[in-house]
N, C-alpha and C. Protein backbone atom coordinates (compact mmCIF):
# COMPACT_ATOMS: atom_id res chain seq x y z
N UNK A 1 0.84 -1.20 0.00
CA UNK A 1 0.00 0.00 0.00
C UNK A 1 0.88 1.25 0.00
N UNK A 2 0.59 2.16 -0.94
CA UNK A 2 1.34 3.41 -0.99
C UNK A 2 0.39 4.57 -0.71
N UNK A 3 0.92 5.80 -0.75
CA UNK A 3 0.12 6.97 -0.40
C UNK A 3 -1.03 7.17 -1.36
N UNK A 4 -0.82 6.86 -2.64
CA UNK A 4 -1.90 7.01 -3.62
C UNK A 4 -3.03 6.03 -3.33
N UNK A 5 -2.65 4.84 -2.89
CA UNK A 5 -3.68 3.87 -2.52
C UNK A 5 -4.51 4.35 -1.33
N UNK A 6 -3.84 4.97 -0.37
CA UNK A 6 -4.54 5.53 0.79
C UNK A 6 -5.49 6.64 0.34
N UNK A 7 -5.01 7.50 -0.56
CA UNK A 7 -5.85 8.59 -1.06
C UNK A 7 -7.10 8.05 -1.74
N UNK A 8 -6.94 6.99 -2.53
CA UNK A 8 -8.09 6.40 -3.23
C UNK A 8 -9.10 5.83 -2.23
N UNK A 9 -8.60 5.19 -1.19
CA UNK A 9 -9.50 4.60 -0.20
C UNK A 9 -10.21 5.68 0.62
N UNK A 10 -9.54 6.82 0.81
CA UNK A 10 -10.13 7.90 1.59
C UNK A 10 -11.14 8.73 0.79
N UNK A 11 -10.98 8.74 -0.53
CA UNK A 11 -11.83 9.59 -1.37
C UNK A 11 -13.30 9.19 -1.23
N UNK A 12 -14.10 10.12 -0.78
CA UNK A 12 -15.54 9.88 -0.65
C UNK A 12 -15.94 8.99 0.50
N UNK A 13 -14.98 8.63 1.33
CA UNK A 13 -15.31 7.73 2.45
C UNK A 13 -16.08 8.48 3.52
N UNK A 14 -17.16 7.86 4.00
CA UNK A 14 -17.95 8.45 5.08
C UNK A 14 -17.31 8.07 6.42
N UNK A 15 -16.99 9.05 7.28
CA UNK A 15 -16.38 8.73 8.57
C UNK A 15 -17.29 7.85 9.42
N UNK A 16 -16.68 6.93 10.14
CA UNK A 16 -17.42 6.06 11.04
C UNK A 16 -16.92 6.22 12.47
N UNK A 17 -17.15 5.21 13.28
CA UNK A 17 -16.71 5.20 14.67
C UNK A 17 -15.79 4.01 14.87
N UNK A 18 -14.61 4.25 15.47
CA UNK A 18 -13.66 3.17 15.71
C UNK A 18 -14.20 2.26 16.81
N UNK A 19 -14.16 0.97 16.55
CA UNK A 19 -14.61 0.00 17.53
C UNK A 19 -16.01 -0.51 17.21
N UNK A 20 -16.35 -1.62 17.82
CA UNK A 20 -17.64 -2.27 17.59
C UNK A 20 -18.72 -1.57 18.41
N UNK A 21 -19.74 -1.08 17.74
CA UNK A 21 -20.87 -0.45 18.43
C UNK A 21 -22.17 -1.05 17.93
N UNK A 22 -23.15 -1.14 18.82
CA UNK A 22 -24.48 -1.61 18.45
C UNK A 22 -25.33 -0.38 18.13
N UNK A 23 -25.94 -0.41 16.96
CA UNK A 23 -26.68 0.74 16.47
C UNK A 23 -28.19 0.52 16.66
N UNK A 24 -28.83 1.47 17.32
CA UNK A 24 -30.27 1.42 17.55
C UNK A 24 -30.90 2.71 17.03
N UNK A 25 -32.20 2.64 16.78
CA UNK A 25 -32.93 3.84 16.37
C UNK A 25 -34.30 3.83 17.01
N UNK A 26 -34.74 5.01 17.45
CA UNK A 26 -36.09 5.15 17.99
C UNK A 26 -36.81 6.27 17.27
N UNK A 27 -38.13 6.19 17.27
CA UNK A 27 -38.95 7.26 16.75
C UNK A 27 -39.38 8.16 17.91
N UNK A 28 -39.28 9.46 17.73
CA UNK A 28 -39.85 10.43 18.66
C UNK A 28 -41.20 10.82 18.07
N UNK A 29 -42.29 10.17 18.50
CA UNK A 29 -43.59 10.41 17.86
C UNK A 29 -44.28 11.65 18.43
N UNK A 30 -44.60 12.58 17.55
CA UNK A 30 -45.31 13.80 17.92
C UNK A 30 -46.78 13.67 17.53
N UNK A 31 -47.64 14.09 18.43
CA UNK A 31 -49.08 14.03 18.20
C UNK A 31 -49.67 15.41 18.45
N UNK A 32 -50.40 15.94 17.47
CA UNK A 32 -51.04 17.25 17.62
C UNK A 32 -52.40 17.09 18.27
N UNK A 33 -52.61 17.77 19.40
CA UNK A 33 -53.90 17.75 20.09
C UNK A 33 -54.34 19.18 20.38
N UNK A 34 -55.57 19.32 20.87
CA UNK A 34 -56.11 20.65 21.09
C UNK A 34 -55.28 21.45 22.10
N UNK A 35 -54.69 20.76 23.07
CA UNK A 35 -53.90 21.45 24.08
C UNK A 35 -52.43 21.56 23.70
N UNK A 36 -52.10 21.23 22.46
CA UNK A 36 -50.72 21.36 22.00
C UNK A 36 -50.10 20.04 21.58
N UNK A 37 -48.80 20.05 21.35
CA UNK A 37 -48.08 18.85 20.92
C UNK A 37 -47.85 17.90 22.09
N UNK A 38 -47.97 16.61 21.81
CA UNK A 38 -47.70 15.57 22.79
C UNK A 38 -46.62 14.64 22.25
N UNK A 39 -45.90 14.00 23.16
CA UNK A 39 -44.99 12.91 22.81
C UNK A 39 -45.67 11.59 23.16
N UNK A 40 -45.52 10.63 22.28
CA UNK A 40 -46.09 9.29 22.50
C UNK A 40 -45.01 8.37 23.07
N UNK A 41 -45.35 7.67 24.13
CA UNK A 41 -44.42 6.74 24.78
C UNK A 41 -45.03 5.34 24.86
N UNK A 42 -44.16 4.38 25.02
CA UNK A 42 -44.56 3.00 25.30
C UNK A 42 -44.20 2.62 26.73
N UNK A 43 -44.98 1.71 27.30
CA UNK A 43 -44.57 1.03 28.52
C UNK A 43 -44.19 -0.38 28.13
N UNK A 44 -42.97 -0.77 28.44
CA UNK A 44 -42.47 -2.08 28.03
C UNK A 44 -43.20 -3.20 28.77
N UNK A 45 -43.41 -4.30 28.07
CA UNK A 45 -44.10 -5.43 28.66
C UNK A 45 -43.19 -6.15 29.66
N UNK A 46 -43.77 -7.08 30.39
CA UNK A 46 -43.00 -7.85 31.36
C UNK A 46 -42.21 -8.97 30.74
N UNK A 47 -42.27 -9.11 29.41
CA UNK A 47 -41.62 -10.23 28.72
C UNK A 47 -40.25 -9.89 28.16
N UNK A 48 -39.85 -8.63 28.26
CA UNK A 48 -38.59 -8.24 27.64
C UNK A 48 -37.69 -7.54 28.66
N UNK A 49 -36.48 -7.22 28.21
CA UNK A 49 -35.50 -6.55 29.06
C UNK A 49 -36.07 -5.22 29.56
N UNK A 50 -35.75 -4.86 30.78
CA UNK A 50 -36.22 -3.63 31.41
C UNK A 50 -37.75 -3.55 31.42
N UNK A 51 -38.41 -4.58 31.95
CA UNK A 51 -39.88 -4.60 31.95
C UNK A 51 -40.47 -3.43 32.73
N UNK A 52 -41.55 -2.88 32.18
CA UNK A 52 -42.24 -1.78 32.85
C UNK A 52 -41.66 -0.42 32.59
N UNK A 53 -40.48 -0.35 31.99
CA UNK A 53 -39.86 0.95 31.71
C UNK A 53 -40.62 1.69 30.61
N UNK A 54 -40.48 3.00 30.61
CA UNK A 54 -41.04 3.84 29.56
C UNK A 54 -39.99 4.03 28.47
N UNK A 55 -40.42 3.97 27.21
CA UNK A 55 -39.48 4.14 26.11
C UNK A 55 -40.21 4.69 24.89
N UNK A 56 -39.44 5.06 23.88
CA UNK A 56 -39.98 5.38 22.57
C UNK A 56 -39.96 4.10 21.72
N UNK A 57 -40.81 4.02 20.69
CA UNK A 57 -40.74 2.86 19.79
C UNK A 57 -39.38 2.80 19.10
N UNK A 58 -38.79 1.62 19.07
CA UNK A 58 -37.50 1.51 18.40
C UNK A 58 -36.82 0.20 18.68
N UNK A 59 -35.64 0.03 18.10
CA UNK A 59 -34.89 -1.20 18.28
C UNK A 59 -33.59 -1.18 17.51
N UNK A 60 -33.00 -2.33 17.36
CA UNK A 60 -31.68 -2.43 16.73
C UNK A 60 -31.80 -2.32 15.21
N UNK A 61 -30.85 -1.61 14.61
CA UNK A 61 -30.83 -1.45 13.17
C UNK A 61 -30.34 -2.73 12.51
N UNK A 62 -31.10 -3.20 11.55
CA UNK A 62 -30.73 -4.42 10.85
C UNK A 62 -29.81 -4.11 9.67
N UNK A 63 -29.12 -5.15 9.19
CA UNK A 63 -28.16 -4.98 8.09
C UNK A 63 -28.85 -4.38 6.87
N UNK A 64 -28.23 -3.35 6.30
CA UNK A 64 -28.76 -2.72 5.11
C UNK A 64 -29.91 -1.76 5.35
N UNK A 65 -30.23 -1.53 6.60
CA UNK A 65 -31.37 -0.69 6.96
C UNK A 65 -30.89 0.70 7.36
N UNK A 66 -31.61 1.73 6.95
CA UNK A 66 -31.27 3.07 7.37
C UNK A 66 -31.83 3.34 8.76
N UNK A 67 -31.37 4.43 9.36
CA UNK A 67 -31.85 4.81 10.69
C UNK A 67 -33.37 5.04 10.66
N UNK A 68 -33.84 5.77 9.66
CA UNK A 68 -35.27 6.05 9.56
C UNK A 68 -36.07 4.79 9.29
N UNK A 69 -35.57 3.94 8.42
CA UNK A 69 -36.27 2.68 8.13
C UNK A 69 -36.42 1.83 9.39
N UNK A 70 -35.38 1.79 10.20
CA UNK A 70 -35.43 1.03 11.45
C UNK A 70 -36.49 1.60 12.39
N UNK A 71 -36.47 2.90 12.58
CA UNK A 71 -37.42 3.53 13.50
C UNK A 71 -38.87 3.29 13.07
N UNK A 72 -39.12 3.37 11.77
CA UNK A 72 -40.48 3.14 11.26
C UNK A 72 -40.87 1.67 11.36
N UNK A 73 -39.95 0.78 11.04
CA UNK A 73 -40.25 -0.65 11.13
C UNK A 73 -40.57 -1.05 12.56
N UNK A 74 -39.74 -0.60 13.49
CA UNK A 74 -39.96 -0.96 14.88
C UNK A 74 -41.28 -0.37 15.41
N UNK A 75 -41.62 0.83 14.98
CA UNK A 75 -42.89 1.44 15.39
C UNK A 75 -44.06 0.61 14.89
N UNK A 76 -43.98 0.16 13.64
CA UNK A 76 -45.04 -0.68 13.07
C UNK A 76 -45.13 -2.01 13.80
N UNK A 77 -43.98 -2.62 14.09
CA UNK A 77 -43.97 -3.92 14.75
C UNK A 77 -44.45 -3.85 16.19
N UNK A 78 -44.11 -2.78 16.89
CA UNK A 78 -44.40 -2.70 18.32
C UNK A 78 -45.81 -2.19 18.62
N UNK A 79 -46.26 -1.18 17.86
CA UNK A 79 -47.57 -0.60 18.18
C UNK A 79 -48.50 -0.50 16.97
N UNK A 80 -48.08 -1.05 15.83
CA UNK A 80 -48.97 -1.13 14.68
C UNK A 80 -49.22 0.17 13.95
N UNK A 81 -48.45 1.19 14.24
CA UNK A 81 -48.63 2.48 13.57
C UNK A 81 -47.71 2.56 12.35
N UNK A 82 -48.32 2.73 11.18
CA UNK A 82 -47.55 2.83 9.94
C UNK A 82 -47.71 4.19 9.28
N UNK A 83 -48.71 4.95 9.71
CA UNK A 83 -48.96 6.27 9.14
C UNK A 83 -48.16 7.31 9.91
N UNK A 84 -46.91 7.49 9.52
CA UNK A 84 -46.00 8.42 10.20
C UNK A 84 -45.45 9.41 9.18
N UNK A 85 -45.60 10.69 9.47
CA UNK A 85 -44.99 11.72 8.64
C UNK A 85 -43.61 12.04 9.22
N UNK A 86 -42.58 11.57 8.56
CA UNK A 86 -41.22 11.76 9.07
C UNK A 86 -40.79 13.21 8.83
N UNK A 87 -40.38 13.87 9.90
CA UNK A 87 -39.87 15.24 9.80
C UNK A 87 -38.38 15.22 9.50
N UNK A 88 -37.67 14.28 10.13
CA UNK A 88 -36.24 14.17 9.88
C UNK A 88 -35.53 13.47 11.01
N UNK A 89 -34.26 13.22 10.79
CA UNK A 89 -33.43 12.58 11.82
C UNK A 89 -32.99 13.63 12.83
N UNK A 90 -33.07 13.29 14.10
CA UNK A 90 -32.64 14.18 15.17
C UNK A 90 -31.27 13.72 15.66
N UNK A 91 -30.90 14.06 16.88
CA UNK A 91 -29.56 13.79 17.39
C UNK A 91 -29.40 12.34 17.84
N UNK A 92 -28.15 11.95 18.04
CA UNK A 92 -27.82 10.59 18.49
C UNK A 92 -27.09 10.64 19.83
N UNK A 93 -27.19 9.56 20.58
CA UNK A 93 -26.51 9.44 21.87
C UNK A 93 -25.52 8.30 21.78
N UNK A 94 -24.27 8.57 22.16
CA UNK A 94 -23.24 7.54 22.22
C UNK A 94 -23.09 7.11 23.68
N UNK A 95 -23.48 5.87 23.96
CA UNK A 95 -23.44 5.36 25.32
C UNK A 95 -22.10 4.69 25.61
N UNK A 96 -21.73 4.64 26.88
CA UNK A 96 -20.45 4.05 27.26
C UNK A 96 -20.45 2.54 27.06
N UNK A 97 -21.61 1.91 26.94
CA UNK A 97 -21.68 0.46 26.75
C UNK A 97 -21.67 0.08 25.28
N UNK A 98 -21.10 0.95 24.45
CA UNK A 98 -20.91 0.71 23.02
C UNK A 98 -22.23 0.68 22.25
N UNK A 99 -23.23 1.35 22.76
CA UNK A 99 -24.51 1.49 22.07
C UNK A 99 -24.63 2.90 21.53
N UNK A 100 -25.03 3.01 20.27
CA UNK A 100 -25.37 4.30 19.68
C UNK A 100 -26.87 4.33 19.47
N UNK A 101 -27.53 5.32 20.05
CA UNK A 101 -28.98 5.46 19.91
C UNK A 101 -29.28 6.65 19.01
N UNK A 102 -29.84 6.37 17.86
CA UNK A 102 -30.23 7.40 16.90
C UNK A 102 -31.71 7.72 17.10
N UNK A 103 -32.10 8.94 16.75
CA UNK A 103 -33.50 9.33 16.91
C UNK A 103 -34.04 9.94 15.62
N UNK A 104 -35.31 9.67 15.38
CA UNK A 104 -36.02 10.18 14.22
C UNK A 104 -37.32 10.82 14.71
N UNK A 105 -37.61 12.02 14.21
CA UNK A 105 -38.83 12.71 14.62
C UNK A 105 -39.91 12.49 13.57
N UNK A 106 -41.09 12.11 14.03
CA UNK A 106 -42.20 11.88 13.12
C UNK A 106 -43.53 12.27 13.74
N UNK A 107 -44.49 12.59 12.90
CA UNK A 107 -45.83 12.97 13.35
C UNK A 107 -46.76 11.78 13.18
N UNK A 108 -47.50 11.45 14.25
CA UNK A 108 -48.53 10.42 14.19
C UNK A 108 -49.89 11.09 14.36
N UNK A 109 -50.94 10.42 13.91
CA UNK A 109 -52.27 11.02 13.94
C UNK A 109 -53.11 10.46 15.08
N UNK A 110 -54.15 11.19 15.41
CA UNK A 110 -55.08 10.72 16.44
C UNK A 110 -55.76 9.42 16.03
N UNK A 111 -56.08 9.29 14.74
CA UNK A 111 -56.70 8.06 14.26
C UNK A 111 -55.78 6.87 14.45
N UNK A 112 -54.48 7.07 14.19
CA UNK A 112 -53.54 5.95 14.36
C UNK A 112 -53.44 5.54 15.83
N UNK A 113 -53.59 6.50 16.75
CA UNK A 113 -53.56 6.18 18.17
C UNK A 113 -54.80 5.37 18.55
N UNK A 114 -55.95 5.76 18.01
CA UNK A 114 -57.19 5.06 18.32
C UNK A 114 -57.17 3.63 17.81
N UNK A 115 -56.48 3.39 16.71
CA UNK A 115 -56.44 2.07 16.09
C UNK A 115 -55.13 1.33 16.35
N UNK A 116 -54.45 1.72 17.40
CA UNK A 116 -53.16 1.13 17.70
C UNK A 116 -53.29 -0.37 17.96
N UNK A 117 -52.28 -1.12 17.53
CA UNK A 117 -52.25 -2.58 17.76
C UNK A 117 -50.95 -2.90 18.50
N UNK A 118 -51.07 -3.15 19.79
CA UNK A 118 -49.88 -3.38 20.60
C UNK A 118 -49.37 -4.81 20.41
N UNK A 119 -48.06 -4.92 20.25
CA UNK A 119 -47.41 -6.23 20.27
C UNK A 119 -47.21 -6.59 21.73
N UNK A 120 -48.06 -7.45 22.26
CA UNK A 120 -48.08 -7.72 23.70
C UNK A 120 -46.79 -8.37 24.19
N UNK A 121 -46.00 -8.93 23.28
CA UNK A 121 -44.72 -9.50 23.69
C UNK A 121 -43.72 -8.41 24.08
N UNK A 122 -43.94 -7.20 23.56
CA UNK A 122 -42.99 -6.12 23.79
C UNK A 122 -43.58 -4.89 24.49
N UNK A 123 -44.86 -4.64 24.27
CA UNK A 123 -45.46 -3.40 24.75
C UNK A 123 -46.70 -3.69 25.59
N UNK A 124 -46.72 -3.11 26.80
CA UNK A 124 -47.87 -3.29 27.68
C UNK A 124 -48.91 -2.19 27.50
N UNK A 125 -48.46 -0.99 27.13
CA UNK A 125 -49.37 0.15 27.07
C UNK A 125 -48.70 1.29 26.33
N UNK A 126 -49.49 2.25 25.86
CA UNK A 126 -48.95 3.50 25.32
C UNK A 126 -49.64 4.66 26.04
N UNK A 127 -48.97 5.80 26.05
CA UNK A 127 -49.55 6.99 26.64
C UNK A 127 -48.86 8.21 26.05
N UNK A 128 -49.46 9.37 26.22
CA UNK A 128 -48.86 10.59 25.70
C UNK A 128 -48.61 11.58 26.84
N UNK A 129 -47.65 12.44 26.62
CA UNK A 129 -47.29 13.49 27.57
C UNK A 129 -47.14 14.79 26.79
N UNK A 130 -47.73 15.88 27.26
CA UNK A 130 -47.55 17.15 26.55
C UNK A 130 -46.07 17.52 26.44
N UNK A 131 -45.68 17.97 25.26
CA UNK A 131 -44.29 18.38 25.08
C UNK A 131 -43.93 19.50 26.04
N UNK A 132 -44.89 20.38 26.33
CA UNK A 132 -44.64 21.48 27.27
C UNK A 132 -44.24 20.99 28.66
N UNK A 133 -44.68 19.79 29.01
CA UNK A 133 -44.30 19.25 30.32
C UNK A 133 -42.79 19.18 30.44
N UNK A 134 -42.12 18.73 29.39
CA UNK A 134 -40.67 18.61 29.42
C UNK A 134 -39.98 19.95 29.27
N UNK A 135 -40.69 20.93 28.70
CA UNK A 135 -40.14 22.28 28.57
C UNK A 135 -40.13 22.99 29.92
N UNK A 136 -41.21 22.83 30.67
CA UNK A 136 -41.38 23.62 31.89
C UNK A 136 -41.16 22.85 33.19
N UNK A 137 -40.96 21.55 33.11
CA UNK A 137 -40.75 20.75 34.32
C UNK A 137 -39.28 20.42 34.48
N UNK A 138 -38.72 20.76 35.62
CA UNK A 138 -37.33 20.41 35.90
C UNK A 138 -37.29 18.98 36.42
N UNK A 139 -36.55 18.11 35.77
CA UNK A 139 -36.53 16.72 36.22
C UNK A 139 -35.68 16.54 37.48
N UNK A 140 -35.97 15.47 38.20
CA UNK A 140 -35.04 15.04 39.24
C UNK A 140 -33.76 14.58 38.54
N UNK A 141 -32.62 14.91 39.11
CA UNK A 141 -31.36 14.56 38.47
C UNK A 141 -30.46 13.83 39.45
N UNK A 142 -29.86 12.75 38.97
CA UNK A 142 -28.93 11.98 39.79
C UNK A 142 -27.69 11.66 38.95
N UNK A 143 -26.53 11.91 39.50
CA UNK A 143 -25.29 11.66 38.78
C UNK A 143 -24.72 10.30 39.16
N UNK A 144 -24.50 9.47 38.14
CA UNK A 144 -23.92 8.15 38.33
C UNK A 144 -22.45 8.21 37.93
N UNK A 145 -21.57 7.77 38.81
CA UNK A 145 -20.14 7.76 38.52
C UNK A 145 -19.79 6.47 37.78
N UNK A 146 -19.09 6.61 36.66
CA UNK A 146 -18.70 5.47 35.83
C UNK A 146 -17.22 5.19 36.07
N UNK A 147 -16.92 4.01 36.56
CA UNK A 147 -15.54 3.63 36.87
C UNK A 147 -15.09 2.49 35.96
N UNK A 148 -13.83 2.10 36.10
CA UNK A 148 -13.30 1.00 35.31
C UNK A 148 -12.77 -0.09 36.24
N UNK A 149 -13.15 -1.32 35.92
CA UNK A 149 -12.66 -2.47 36.68
C UNK A 149 -11.36 -2.95 36.03
N UNK A 150 -10.25 -2.65 36.66
CA UNK A 150 -8.94 -2.97 36.07
C UNK A 150 -8.17 -3.98 36.91
N UNK A 151 -8.86 -4.74 37.74
CA UNK A 151 -8.19 -5.66 38.66
C UNK A 151 -7.34 -6.69 37.92
N UNK A 152 -7.80 -7.14 36.74
CA UNK A 152 -7.05 -8.18 36.02
C UNK A 152 -6.31 -7.62 34.80
N UNK A 153 -6.09 -6.30 34.78
CA UNK A 153 -5.40 -5.70 33.64
C UNK A 153 -3.93 -6.11 33.64
N UNK A 154 -3.35 -6.49 32.47
CA UNK A 154 -1.94 -6.94 32.39
C UNK A 154 -0.96 -5.76 32.38
N UNK A 155 -0.76 -5.18 33.55
CA UNK A 155 0.11 -3.99 33.63
C UNK A 155 1.52 -4.28 33.13
N UNK A 156 2.03 -5.48 33.40
CA UNK A 156 3.40 -5.79 33.02
C UNK A 156 3.59 -5.79 31.51
N UNK A 157 2.52 -6.00 30.75
CA UNK A 157 2.62 -6.02 29.29
C UNK A 157 2.66 -4.62 28.70
N UNK A 158 2.29 -3.62 29.48
CA UNK A 158 2.21 -2.25 28.98
C UNK A 158 3.34 -1.37 29.48
N UNK A 159 4.00 -1.82 30.55
CA UNK A 159 5.07 -1.01 31.14
C UNK A 159 4.56 0.10 32.03
N UNK A 160 3.28 0.07 32.38
CA UNK A 160 2.76 1.10 33.28
C UNK A 160 2.59 0.53 34.68
N UNK A 161 2.52 1.41 35.67
CA UNK A 161 2.41 0.99 37.06
C UNK A 161 0.94 0.70 37.43
N UNK A 162 0.77 -0.07 38.50
CA UNK A 162 -0.58 -0.44 38.93
C UNK A 162 -1.34 0.71 39.54
N UNK A 163 -0.63 1.82 39.81
CA UNK A 163 -1.34 3.00 40.31
C UNK A 163 -1.70 3.97 39.18
N UNK A 164 -1.67 3.46 37.94
CA UNK A 164 -2.02 4.26 36.77
C UNK A 164 -3.41 4.89 36.96
N UNK A 165 -3.53 6.17 36.65
CA UNK A 165 -4.79 6.88 36.84
C UNK A 165 -5.69 6.69 35.61
N UNK A 166 -6.57 5.70 35.69
CA UNK A 166 -7.49 5.44 34.59
C UNK A 166 -8.54 6.54 34.51
N UNK A 167 -8.97 6.80 33.29
CA UNK A 167 -10.02 7.79 33.09
C UNK A 167 -11.36 7.26 33.59
N UNK A 168 -12.08 8.09 34.27
CA UNK A 168 -13.42 7.73 34.72
C UNK A 168 -14.35 8.86 34.28
N UNK A 169 -15.63 8.64 34.41
CA UNK A 169 -16.58 9.65 33.98
C UNK A 169 -17.82 9.64 34.84
N UNK A 170 -18.80 10.37 34.41
CA UNK A 170 -20.06 10.39 35.12
C UNK A 170 -21.19 10.64 34.13
N UNK A 171 -22.37 10.23 34.51
CA UNK A 171 -23.53 10.39 33.65
C UNK A 171 -24.69 10.91 34.47
N UNK A 172 -25.34 11.93 33.94
CA UNK A 172 -26.48 12.51 34.64
C UNK A 172 -27.75 11.76 34.23
N UNK A 173 -28.47 11.26 35.20
CA UNK A 173 -29.71 10.52 34.97
C UNK A 173 -30.89 11.41 35.31
N UNK A 174 -31.78 11.63 34.34
CA UNK A 174 -32.98 12.43 34.58
C UNK A 174 -34.16 11.54 34.91
N UNK A 175 -35.02 12.02 35.81
CA UNK A 175 -36.22 11.29 36.20
C UNK A 175 -37.39 12.26 36.21
N UNK A 176 -38.42 11.93 35.43
CA UNK A 176 -39.65 12.72 35.40
C UNK A 176 -40.79 11.89 35.98
N UNK A 177 -41.68 12.56 36.72
CA UNK A 177 -42.92 11.96 37.18
C UNK A 177 -44.07 12.72 36.52
N UNK A 178 -44.80 12.04 35.66
CA UNK A 178 -45.97 12.64 35.01
C UNK A 178 -47.20 11.82 35.38
N UNK A 179 -48.07 12.42 36.18
CA UNK A 179 -49.23 11.70 36.71
C UNK A 179 -48.73 10.43 37.38
N UNK A 180 -49.18 9.26 36.93
CA UNK A 180 -48.71 8.02 37.56
C UNK A 180 -47.60 7.35 36.74
N UNK A 181 -47.01 8.08 35.82
CA UNK A 181 -45.97 7.53 34.94
C UNK A 181 -44.59 8.01 35.38
N UNK A 182 -43.60 7.16 35.16
CA UNK A 182 -42.21 7.52 35.41
C UNK A 182 -41.45 7.43 34.10
N UNK A 183 -40.76 8.50 33.76
CA UNK A 183 -39.95 8.55 32.54
C UNK A 183 -38.53 8.88 32.98
N UNK A 184 -37.60 7.99 32.72
CA UNK A 184 -36.26 8.21 33.24
C UNK A 184 -35.22 7.67 32.27
N UNK A 185 -33.96 7.88 32.62
CA UNK A 185 -32.85 7.30 31.87
C UNK A 185 -32.71 7.86 30.46
N UNK A 186 -32.38 6.97 29.54
CA UNK A 186 -32.12 7.36 28.16
C UNK A 186 -33.33 8.04 27.53
N UNK A 187 -34.52 7.51 27.79
CA UNK A 187 -35.74 8.10 27.23
C UNK A 187 -35.96 9.51 27.75
N UNK A 188 -35.71 9.72 29.03
CA UNK A 188 -35.85 11.06 29.60
C UNK A 188 -34.83 12.02 29.00
N UNK A 189 -33.61 11.55 28.77
CA UNK A 189 -32.59 12.40 28.15
C UNK A 189 -33.01 12.83 26.75
N UNK A 190 -33.56 11.89 25.98
CA UNK A 190 -34.00 12.23 24.62
C UNK A 190 -35.15 13.21 24.67
N UNK A 191 -36.14 12.95 25.54
CA UNK A 191 -37.31 13.83 25.64
C UNK A 191 -36.89 15.24 26.05
N UNK A 192 -36.01 15.33 27.04
CA UNK A 192 -35.55 16.64 27.50
C UNK A 192 -34.77 17.37 26.41
N UNK A 193 -33.87 16.66 25.75
CA UNK A 193 -33.03 17.27 24.72
C UNK A 193 -33.90 17.77 23.57
N UNK A 194 -34.90 16.96 23.18
CA UNK A 194 -35.77 17.36 22.08
C UNK A 194 -36.65 18.54 22.51
N UNK A 195 -37.17 18.52 23.72
CA UNK A 195 -38.00 19.63 24.21
C UNK A 195 -37.20 20.92 24.28
N UNK A 196 -35.95 20.84 24.75
CA UNK A 196 -35.09 22.01 24.79
C UNK A 196 -34.83 22.55 23.38
N UNK A 197 -34.63 21.63 22.44
CA UNK A 197 -34.44 22.03 21.05
C UNK A 197 -35.72 22.68 20.50
N UNK A 198 -36.86 22.08 20.77
CA UNK A 198 -38.13 22.56 20.22
C UNK A 198 -38.48 23.95 20.73
N UNK A 199 -38.11 24.23 22.00
CA UNK A 199 -38.47 25.54 22.56
C UNK A 199 -37.37 26.57 22.32
N UNK A 200 -36.31 26.17 21.64
CA UNK A 200 -35.31 27.13 21.21
C UNK A 200 -34.13 27.34 22.12
N UNK A 201 -33.98 26.49 23.16
CA UNK A 201 -32.86 26.68 24.08
C UNK A 201 -31.63 25.90 23.65
N UNK A 202 -31.73 25.12 22.59
CA UNK A 202 -30.54 24.43 22.05
C UNK A 202 -30.26 24.92 20.64
């Protein structure tokens, strides 16, 4: 391989992310109602990971599938809604556990909500929350410290000492209480970020 070969390989190449990451996509469903815009959420069934949690429709991106295609497919599979007006792709979250969560904003209709078909294996219920709730409500916030378990790290192979100062981090966890619903974690971060964007503070 010479420099010209490198130039050819770089030409038109789309930048990626170094390392293995799992790619997911969710739909941020917007619903227009008389009292304003609402966000549509799911309550996860007791049959899947994180049972009872609140989330947006979504899942893992399949081979050859775009971010938007994944979000729409998962929405159709989970709650039976296929009539979605896609506004566009929103921001993504890079998680420390090698997960990338992409988001897509779309409009759903009142008729589609009335005729929703829940996949009971994955979804126990759906509900909506006014977008203004996330604009004007300050969430409970808890900071989780992220550390590294280096007990079995081969220090002798690297030439560094066992008192090496490994990088650590922290993550802010948001928690919202809306009526009898709890919205927290990744879903709360997305809802807050989108609400801040929608009201012009981002």
